[in-house]
Amino acid sequence: MSLLPIAILSMVSALTFYTVGVWGEKIVGRLKSWHLIFFWLGLIFDTLGTPLMGQIAGSFSFNSHAVTGLAAIILM
């Protein structure tokens, strides 16, 4: 089975969960528990999708793209 559909679904899910969590908090004006749940789900799917994309790419090269991607996950 190809990893590409799983990786795409993971990354799109991460984007969706992040968007709902962040914009939900922005619209309501107050951080609620369901905002945090959506944000954490986004982080989980982002953390799942990133190594899958790395496996598809075949190798890890230490370049600016890799450094900024790792920094983004760590900061979240």
C-alpha atoms as a PDB file:
ATOM      1  CA  MET A   1       0.000   0.000   0.000  1.00  0.00           C
ATOM      2  CA  SER A   2       1.250   3.435  -0.890  1.00  0.00           C
ATOM      3  CA  LEU A   3       2.131   5.832   1.915  1.00  0.00           C
ATOM      4  CA  LEU A   4       1.149   8.866  -0.133  1.00  0.00           C
ATOM      5  CA  PRO A   5      -2.628   8.793   0.561  1.00  0.00           C
ATOM      6  CA  ILE A   6      -2.010   8.306   4.289  1.00  0.00           C
ATOM      7  CA  ALA A   7       0.525  11.145   4.358  1.00  0.00           C
ATOM      8  CA  ILE A   8      -1.795  13.464   2.437  1.00  0.00           C
ATOM      9  CA  LEU A   9      -4.727  12.629   4.707  1.00  0.00           C
ATOM     10  CA  SER A  10      -2.563  13.232   7.793  1.00  0.00           C
ATOM     11  CA  MET A  11      -1.355  16.615   6.602  1.00  0.00           C
ATOM     12  CA  VAL A  12      -4.814  17.765   5.484  1.00  0.00           C
ATOM     13  CA  SER A  13      -6.234  16.614   8.825  1.00  0.00           C
ATOM     14  CA  ALA A  14      -3.516  18.561  10.641  1.00  0.00           C
ATOM     15  CA  LEU A  15      -4.347  21.689   8.660  1.00  0.00           C
ATOM     16  CA  THR A  16      -8.061  21.258   9.343  1.00  0.00           C
ATOM     17  CA  PHE A  17      -7.639  20.674  13.079  1.00  0.00           C
ATOM     18  CA  TYR A  18      -5.189  23.575  13.452  1.00  0.00           C
ATOM     19  CA  THR A  19      -7.521  25.876  11.522  1.00  0.00           C
ATOM     20  CA  VAL A  20     -10.622  24.984  13.539  1.00  0.00           C
ATOM     21  CA  GLY A  21      -8.753  25.276  16.840  1.00  0.00           C
ATOM     22  CA  VAL A  22      -7.041  28.583  16.114  1.00  0.00           C
ATOM     23  CA  TRP A  23      -9.924  30.324  14.343  1.00  0.00           C
ATOM     24  CA  GLY A  24     -12.417  28.978  16.879  1.00  0.00           C
ATOM     25  CA  GLU A  25     -10.444  30.650  19.654  1.00  0.00           C
ATOM     26  CA  LYS A  26     -10.064  33.835  17.604  1.00  0.00           C
ATOM     27  CA  ILE A  27     -13.807  34.079  16.892  1.00  0.00           C
ATOM     28  CA  VAL A  28     -14.911  33.224  20.443  1.00  0.00           C
ATOM     29  CA  GLY A  29     -12.232  35.465  21.955  1.00  0.00           C
ATOM     30  CA  ARG A  30     -11.478  33.044  24.756  1.00  0.00           C
ATOM     31  CA  LEU A  31      -9.490  29.826  24.878  1.00  0.00           C
ATOM     32  CA  LYS A  32     -11.736  26.851  25.629  1.00  0.00           C
ATOM     33  CA  SER A  33     -10.924  23.201  26.115  1.00  0.00           C
ATOM     34  CA  TRP A  34     -12.248  22.167  22.709  1.00  0.00           C
ATOM     35  CA  HIS A  35      -9.822  24.641  21.067  1.00  0.00           C
ATOM     36  CA  LEU A  36      -6.949  22.869  22.781  1.00  0.00           C
ATOM     37  CA  ILE A  37      -8.279  19.462  21.763  1.00  0.00           C
ATOM     38  CA  PHE A  38      -8.379  20.531  18.114  1.00  0.00           C
ATOM     39  CA  PHE A  39      -4.905  22.030  18.340  1.00  0.00           C
ATOM     40  CA  TRP A  40      -3.490  18.839  19.898  1.00  0.00           C
ATOM     41  CA  LEU A  41      -5.179  16.727  17.219  1.00  0.00           C
ATOM     42  CA  GLY A  42      -3.534  18.962  14.623  1.00  0.00           C
ATOM     43  CA  LEU A  43      -0.169  18.442  16.266  1.00  0.00           C
ATOM     44  CA  ILE A  44      -0.671  14.670  16.383  1.00  0.00           C
ATOM     45  CA  PHE A  45      -1.568  14.451  12.692  1.00  0.00           C
ATOM     46  CA  ASP A  46       1.262  16.843  11.775  1.00  0.00           C
ATOM     47  CA  THR A  47       3.725  14.709  13.715  1.00  0.00           C
ATOM     48  CA  LEU A  48       2.355  11.578  12.005  1.00  0.00           C
ATOM     49  CA  GLY A  49       2.371  13.033   8.489  1.00  0.00           C
ATOM     50  CA  THR A  50       5.847  14.542   8.611  1.00  0.00           C
ATOM     51  CA  PRO A  51       7.785  11.253   8.954  1.00  0.00           C
ATOM     52  CA  LEU A  52       5.544   9.659   6.327  1.00  0.00           C
ATOM     53  CA  MET A  53       6.506  12.411   3.897  1.00  0.00           C
ATOM     54  CA  GLY A  54      10.135  11.790   4.833  1.00  0.00           C
ATOM     55  CA  GLN A  55       9.776   8.091   4.030  1.00  0.00           C
ATOM     56  CA  ILE A  56       8.242   8.943   0.667  1.00  0.00           C
ATOM     57  CA  ALA A  57      11.131  11.321  -0.085  1.00  0.00           C
ATOM     58  CA  GLY A  58      13.530   8.453   0.591  1.00  0.00           C
ATOM     59  CA  SER A  59      16.159  10.245   2.590  1.00  0.00           C
ATOM     60  CA  PHE A  60      16.622  13.037   5.060  1.00  0.00           C
ATOM     61  CA  SER A  61      18.855  15.880   4.036  1.00  0.00           C
ATOM     62  CA  PHE A  62      19.880  18.446   6.575  1.00  0.00           C
ATOM     63  CA  ASN A  63      18.888  21.634   4.792  1.00  0.00           C
ATOM     64  CA  SER A  64      16.924  24.780   5.588  1.00  0.00           C
ATOM     65  CA  HIS A  65      13.598  23.107   4.771  1.00  0.00           C
ATOM     66  CA  ALA A  66      14.278  20.269   7.217  1.00  0.00           C
ATOM     67  CA  VAL A  67      15.481  22.642   9.930  1.00  0.00           C
ATOM     68  CA  THR A  68      12.491  24.969   9.669  1.00  0.00           C
ATOM     69  CA  GLY A  69      10.050  22.023   9.559  1.00  0.00           C
ATOM     70  CA  LEU A  70      11.571  20.483  12.672  1.00  0.00           C
ATOM     71  CA  ALA A  71      11.572  23.878  14.389  1.00  0.00           C
ATOM     72  CA  ALA A  72       7.870  24.334  13.571  1.00  0.00           C
ATOM     73  CA  ILE A  73       6.908  21.017  15.168  1.00  0.00           C
ATOM     74  CA  ILE A  74       9.073  21.696  18.226  1.00  0.00           C
ATOM     75  CA  LEU A  75       7.595  25.179  18.680  1.00  0.00           C
ATOM     76  CA  MET A  76       4.072  23.805  18.523  1.00  0.00           C
END
